[in-house]
Amino acid sequence: MLRRSSLSGLLLVLAACSPPPTRWESSGPGNAAADEATCQATADGEAAHQLPYGNGPPLYGTYSSWSMLSWKQAIDDERYYLARDLMRACMQHKGYRRVPVSSR
């Protein structure tokens, strides 16, 4: 019983700490969904270009004990964060900003 209430209390705290939902908004004309799709595709391509898999983990040094799978996963993680940042920069460059979603 104590364990179940502790878990539900933890979930309640986590839900209260989650950020509010947001959307892209521009003061000028534009289609946010189309611009976001274009920026995301460009960002994904650029992230893959900047962070290629290469030939796998190096044979010596810090990453020498990594498997090919863990090597690719680490690069995929870095690509995700780079693509996210590039997409946000692209949208801001087009004049968009993140605003909270209003509950109407």
N, C-alpha and C. Protein backbone atom coordinates (compact mmCIF):
# COMPACT_ATOMS: atom_id res chain seq x y z
N MET A 1 0.83 -1.19 0.00
CA MET A 1 0.00 0.00 0.00
C MET A 1 0.87 1.25 0.00
N LEU A 2 1.89 1.28 0.85
CA LEU A 2 2.77 2.43 0.92
C LEU A 2 3.53 2.60 -0.39
N ARG A 3 3.94 1.51 -0.98
CA ARG A 3 4.69 1.56 -2.23
C ARG A 3 3.81 2.13 -3.36
N ARG A 4 2.56 1.72 -3.42
CA ARG A 4 1.65 2.19 -4.46
C ARG A 4 1.39 3.68 -4.31
N SER A 5 1.21 4.16 -3.09
CA SER A 5 0.96 5.59 -2.88
C SER A 5 2.22 6.41 -3.18
N SER A 6 3.39 5.84 -2.89
CA SER A 6 4.64 6.53 -3.20
C SER A 6 4.81 6.67 -4.71
N LEU A 7 4.47 5.61 -5.44
CA LEU A 7 4.58 5.64 -6.89
C LEU A 7 3.61 6.65 -7.49
N SER A 8 2.37 6.67 -7.01
CA SER A 8 1.40 7.62 -7.55
C SER A 8 1.79 9.05 -7.17
N GLY A 9 2.38 9.25 -6.01
CA GLY A 9 2.87 10.57 -5.64
C GLY A 9 4.01 11.03 -6.53
N LEU A 10 4.90 10.12 -6.85
CA LEU A 10 6.02 10.43 -7.74
C LEU A 10 5.51 10.79 -9.13
N LEU A 11 4.55 10.04 -9.64
CA LEU A 11 3.98 10.33 -10.94
C LEU A 11 3.28 11.68 -10.96
N LEU A 12 2.61 12.03 -9.89
CA LEU A 12 1.95 13.32 -9.79
C LEU A 12 2.97 14.46 -9.82
N VAL A 13 4.07 14.29 -9.11
CA VAL A 13 5.12 15.31 -9.10
C VAL A 13 5.73 15.45 -10.49
N LEU A 14 6.00 14.33 -11.15
CA LEU A 14 6.56 14.38 -12.50
C LEU A 14 5.61 15.06 -13.48
N ALA A 15 4.34 14.79 -13.36
CA ALA A 15 3.36 15.42 -14.25
C ALA A 15 3.29 16.92 -14.00
N ALA A 16 3.41 17.33 -12.76
CA ALA A 16 3.36 18.75 -12.43
C ALA A 16 4.60 19.48 -12.93
N CYS A 17 5.70 18.78 -13.06
CA CYS A 17 6.95 19.40 -13.49
C CYS A 17 7.13 19.41 -15.00
N SER A 18 6.26 18.75 -15.74
CA SER A 18 6.42 18.70 -17.19
C SER A 18 6.12 20.06 -17.79
N PRO A 19 6.87 20.44 -18.83
CA PRO A 19 6.65 21.75 -19.43
C PRO A 19 5.32 21.80 -20.17
N PRO A 20 4.73 22.98 -20.27
CA PRO A 20 3.45 23.09 -21.00
C PRO A 20 3.67 22.88 -22.49
N PRO A 21 2.65 22.41 -23.20
CA PRO A 21 2.81 22.21 -24.64
C PRO A 21 2.97 23.56 -25.35
N THR A 22 3.77 23.55 -26.41
CA THR A 22 4.01 24.78 -27.17
C THR A 22 3.81 24.52 -28.66
N ARG A 23 3.73 25.60 -29.43
CA ARG A 23 3.62 25.51 -30.88
C ARG A 23 4.41 26.65 -31.49
N TRP A 24 4.70 26.53 -32.79
CA TRP A 24 5.40 27.60 -33.50
C TRP A 24 4.40 28.66 -33.93
N GLU A 25 4.78 29.94 -33.76
CA GLU A 25 3.92 31.05 -34.16
C GLU A 25 4.78 32.12 -34.83
N SER A 26 4.23 32.73 -35.86
CA SER A 26 4.92 33.79 -36.58
C SER A 26 4.02 35.01 -36.65
N SER A 27 4.63 36.19 -36.61
CA SER A 27 3.85 37.41 -36.73
C SER A 27 3.52 37.71 -38.18
N GLY A 28 4.25 37.12 -39.11
CA GLY A 28 4.02 37.34 -40.53
C GLY A 28 3.31 36.17 -41.16
N PRO A 29 3.16 36.23 -42.49
CA PRO A 29 2.52 35.12 -43.18
C PRO A 29 3.43 33.90 -43.20
N GLY A 30 2.83 32.76 -43.27
CA GLY A 30 3.61 31.53 -43.32
C GLY A 30 2.79 30.35 -42.86
N ASN A 31 3.22 29.19 -43.28
CA ASN A 31 2.57 27.95 -42.90
C ASN A 31 3.52 27.23 -41.95
N ALA A 32 3.22 27.27 -40.67
CA ALA A 32 4.12 26.72 -39.67
C ALA A 32 4.39 25.24 -39.90
N ALA A 33 3.38 24.46 -40.25
CA ALA A 33 3.56 23.02 -40.44
C ALA A 33 4.49 22.74 -41.62
N ALA A 34 4.29 23.46 -42.73
CA ALA A 34 5.13 23.25 -43.91
C ALA A 34 6.56 23.72 -43.64
N ASP A 35 6.70 24.87 -42.99
CA ASP A 35 8.04 25.38 -42.68
C ASP A 35 8.76 24.46 -41.70
N GLU A 36 8.02 23.91 -40.74
CA GLU A 36 8.64 23.00 -39.78
C GLU A 36 9.10 21.72 -40.47
N ALA A 37 8.30 21.20 -41.39
CA ALA A 37 8.68 19.99 -42.12
C ALA A 37 9.93 20.24 -42.98
N THR A 38 9.98 21.40 -43.62
CA THR A 38 11.15 21.75 -44.43
C THR A 38 12.39 21.90 -43.57
N CYS A 39 12.26 22.60 -42.46
CA CYS A 39 13.39 22.80 -41.55
C CYS A 39 13.85 21.47 -40.96
N GLN A 40 12.90 20.58 -40.62
CA GLN A 40 13.26 19.29 -40.04
C GLN A 40 14.03 18.43 -41.04
N ALA A 41 13.57 18.41 -42.30
CA ALA A 41 14.25 17.62 -43.32
C ALA A 41 15.67 18.15 -43.56
N THR A 42 15.81 19.47 -43.62
CA THR A 42 17.13 20.07 -43.81
C THR A 42 18.03 19.77 -42.61
N ALA A 43 17.48 19.90 -41.41
CA ALA A 43 18.25 19.65 -40.19
C ALA A 43 18.70 18.19 -40.09
N ASP A 44 17.81 17.26 -40.44
CA ASP A 44 18.17 15.84 -40.40
C ASP A 44 19.31 15.53 -41.37
N GLY A 45 19.23 16.10 -42.58
CA GLY A 45 20.29 15.89 -43.55
C GLY A 45 21.61 16.47 -43.11
N GLU A 46 21.57 17.67 -42.54
CA GLU A 46 22.80 18.31 -42.08
C GLU A 46 23.40 17.57 -40.90
N ALA A 47 22.58 17.08 -39.99
CA ALA A 47 23.09 16.32 -38.84
C ALA A 47 23.75 15.03 -39.30
N ALA A 48 23.16 14.35 -40.29
CA ALA A 48 23.77 13.12 -40.81
C ALA A 48 25.08 13.43 -41.52
N HIS A 49 25.15 14.58 -42.18
CA HIS A 49 26.38 14.98 -42.87
C HIS A 49 27.48 15.31 -41.86
N GLN A 50 27.12 16.03 -40.80
CA GLN A 50 28.11 16.44 -39.80
C GLN A 50 28.56 15.29 -38.90
N LEU A 51 27.69 14.31 -38.70
CA LEU A 51 28.01 13.21 -37.78
C LEU A 51 27.85 11.86 -38.50
N PRO A 52 28.76 11.54 -39.41
CA PRO A 52 28.66 10.25 -40.11
C PRO A 52 29.07 9.10 -39.18
N TYR A 53 28.65 7.90 -39.53
CA TYR A 53 29.03 6.73 -38.73
C TYR A 53 30.51 6.42 -38.86
N GLY A 54 31.08 6.69 -40.02
CA GLY A 54 32.48 6.37 -40.22
C GLY A 54 32.67 4.86 -40.30
N ASN A 55 33.80 4.40 -39.88
CA ASN A 55 34.13 2.97 -39.95
C ASN A 55 33.91 2.25 -38.63
N GLY A 56 33.23 2.87 -37.71
CA GLY A 56 32.98 2.24 -36.42
C GLY A 56 33.87 2.81 -35.34
N PRO A 57 33.79 2.24 -34.16
CA PRO A 57 34.58 2.77 -33.04
C PRO A 57 36.07 2.60 -33.31
N PRO A 58 36.88 3.51 -32.75
CA PRO A 58 38.33 3.40 -32.94
C PRO A 58 38.88 2.13 -32.29
N LEU A 59 40.03 1.73 -32.75
CA LEU A 59 40.66 0.51 -32.24
C LEU A 59 41.39 0.74 -30.93
N TYR A 60 41.58 1.98 -30.54
CA TYR A 60 42.28 2.31 -29.31
C TYR A 60 41.61 3.52 -28.66
N GLY A 61 41.93 3.77 -27.42
CA GLY A 61 41.40 4.94 -26.74
C GLY A 61 40.13 4.65 -25.96
N THR A 62 39.43 5.70 -25.62
CA THR A 62 38.26 5.64 -24.76
C THR A 62 37.16 4.75 -25.32
N TYR A 63 36.92 4.80 -26.63
CA TYR A 63 35.78 4.11 -27.24
C TYR A 63 36.15 2.75 -27.82
N SER A 64 37.34 2.25 -27.59
CA SER A 64 37.79 1.01 -28.23
C SER A 64 37.00 -0.22 -27.78
N SER A 65 36.38 -0.17 -26.62
CA SER A 65 35.63 -1.34 -26.15
C SER A 65 34.16 -1.31 -26.59
N TRP A 66 33.75 -0.30 -27.32
CA TRP A 66 32.36 -0.18 -27.74
C TRP A 66 32.07 -1.13 -28.89
N SER A 67 30.87 -1.67 -28.91
CA SER A 67 30.44 -2.48 -30.04
C SER A 67 29.96 -1.53 -31.15
N MET A 68 29.79 -2.06 -32.35
CA MET A 68 29.30 -1.24 -33.46
C MET A 68 27.90 -0.72 -33.15
N LEU A 69 27.07 -1.53 -32.50
CA LEU A 69 25.72 -1.11 -32.16
C LEU A 69 25.74 0.08 -31.19
N SER A 70 26.54 -0.01 -30.14
CA SER A 70 26.58 1.09 -29.18
C SER A 70 27.23 2.32 -29.80
N TRP A 71 28.16 2.14 -30.71
CA TRP A 71 28.79 3.25 -31.42
C TRP A 71 27.74 3.99 -32.26
N LYS A 72 26.94 3.24 -33.02
CA LYS A 72 25.91 3.85 -33.86
C LYS A 72 24.83 4.52 -33.00
N GLN A 73 24.48 3.91 -31.88
CA GLN A 73 23.48 4.50 -31.00
C GLN A 73 23.97 5.83 -30.43
N ALA A 74 25.23 5.90 -30.05
CA ALA A 74 25.78 7.14 -29.53
C ALA A 74 25.76 8.23 -30.60
N ILE A 75 26.08 7.88 -31.84
CA ILE A 75 26.04 8.85 -32.93
C ILE A 75 24.60 9.26 -33.21
N ASP A 76 23.68 8.30 -33.20
CA ASP A 76 22.26 8.63 -33.40
C ASP A 76 21.76 9.60 -32.34
N ASP A 77 22.18 9.40 -31.09
CA ASP A 77 21.79 10.31 -30.02
C ASP A 77 22.30 11.72 -30.30
N GLU A 78 23.56 11.84 -30.69
CA GLU A 78 24.14 13.14 -30.99
C GLU A 78 23.46 13.78 -32.20
N ARG A 79 23.14 12.96 -33.21
CA ARG A 79 22.43 13.47 -34.39
C ARG A 79 21.07 14.03 -34.01
N TYR A 80 20.36 13.34 -33.12
CA TYR A 80 19.05 13.79 -32.69
C TYR A 80 19.13 15.19 -32.09
N TYR A 81 20.06 15.39 -31.16
CA TYR A 81 20.17 16.69 -30.49
C TYR A 81 20.65 17.77 -31.46
N LEU A 82 21.57 17.44 -32.35
CA LEU A 82 22.03 18.41 -33.33
C LEU A 82 20.89 18.79 -34.28
N ALA A 83 20.14 17.80 -34.78
CA ALA A 83 19.02 18.08 -35.69
C ALA A 83 17.95 18.91 -34.99
N ARG A 84 17.69 18.63 -33.73
CA ARG A 84 16.70 19.42 -32.98
C ARG A 84 17.14 20.87 -32.89
N ASP A 85 18.41 21.10 -32.58
CA ASP A 85 18.90 22.46 -32.45
C ASP A 85 18.93 23.17 -33.80
N LEU A 86 19.31 22.46 -34.86
CA LEU A 86 19.32 23.05 -36.20
C LEU A 86 17.91 23.40 -36.66
N MET A 87 16.94 22.53 -36.38
CA MET A 87 15.56 22.79 -36.76
C MET A 87 15.02 24.01 -36.03
N ARG A 88 15.30 24.13 -34.75
CA ARG A 88 14.85 25.29 -33.98
C ARG A 88 15.48 26.58 -34.52
N ALA A 89 16.77 26.52 -34.85
CA ALA A 89 17.44 27.70 -35.40
C ALA A 89 16.84 28.08 -36.75
N CYS A 90 16.52 27.11 -37.58
CA CYS A 90 15.91 27.35 -38.88
C CYS A 90 14.55 28.03 -38.71
N MET A 91 13.74 27.52 -37.81
CA MET A 91 12.42 28.11 -37.59
C MET A 91 12.53 29.54 -37.05
N GLN A 92 13.47 29.76 -36.16
CA GLN A 92 13.66 31.11 -35.63
C GLN A 92 14.16 32.05 -36.72
N HIS A 93 14.99 31.53 -37.60
CA HIS A 93 15.49 32.33 -38.73
C HIS A 93 14.34 32.71 -39.67
N LYS A 94 13.33 31.87 -39.78
CA LYS A 94 12.17 32.15 -40.63
C LYS A 94 11.16 33.08 -39.92
N GLY A 95 11.44 33.45 -38.67
CA GLY A 95 10.57 34.39 -37.97
C GLY A 95 9.59 33.76 -37.01
N TYR A 96 9.75 32.48 -36.70
CA TYR A 96 8.84 31.80 -35.78
C TYR A 96 9.41 31.83 -34.36
N ARG A 97 8.52 31.68 -33.41
CA ARG A 97 8.93 31.52 -32.01
C ARG A 97 7.98 30.54 -31.35
N ARG A 98 8.45 29.90 -30.27
CA ARG A 98 7.62 28.93 -29.54
C ARG A 98 6.72 29.69 -28.56
N VAL A 99 5.45 29.38 -28.59
CA VAL A 99 4.48 29.98 -27.67
C VAL A 99 3.66 28.88 -27.03
N PRO A 100 3.19 29.08 -25.80
CA PRO A 100 2.35 28.07 -25.16
C PRO A 100 1.05 27.88 -25.94
N VAL A 101 0.58 26.66 -25.96
CA VAL A 101 -0.70 26.34 -26.58
C VAL A 101 -1.80 26.79 -25.64
N SER A 102 -2.69 27.63 -26.14
CA SER A 102 -3.77 28.11 -25.28
C SER A 102 -4.89 27.09 -25.26
N SER A 103 -5.52 26.95 -24.13
CA SER A 103 -6.64 26.01 -23.99
C SER A 103 -7.93 26.80 -24.14
N ARG A 104 -8.53 26.70 -25.30
CA ARG A 104 -9.75 27.46 -25.58
C ARG A 104 -10.94 26.59 -25.48
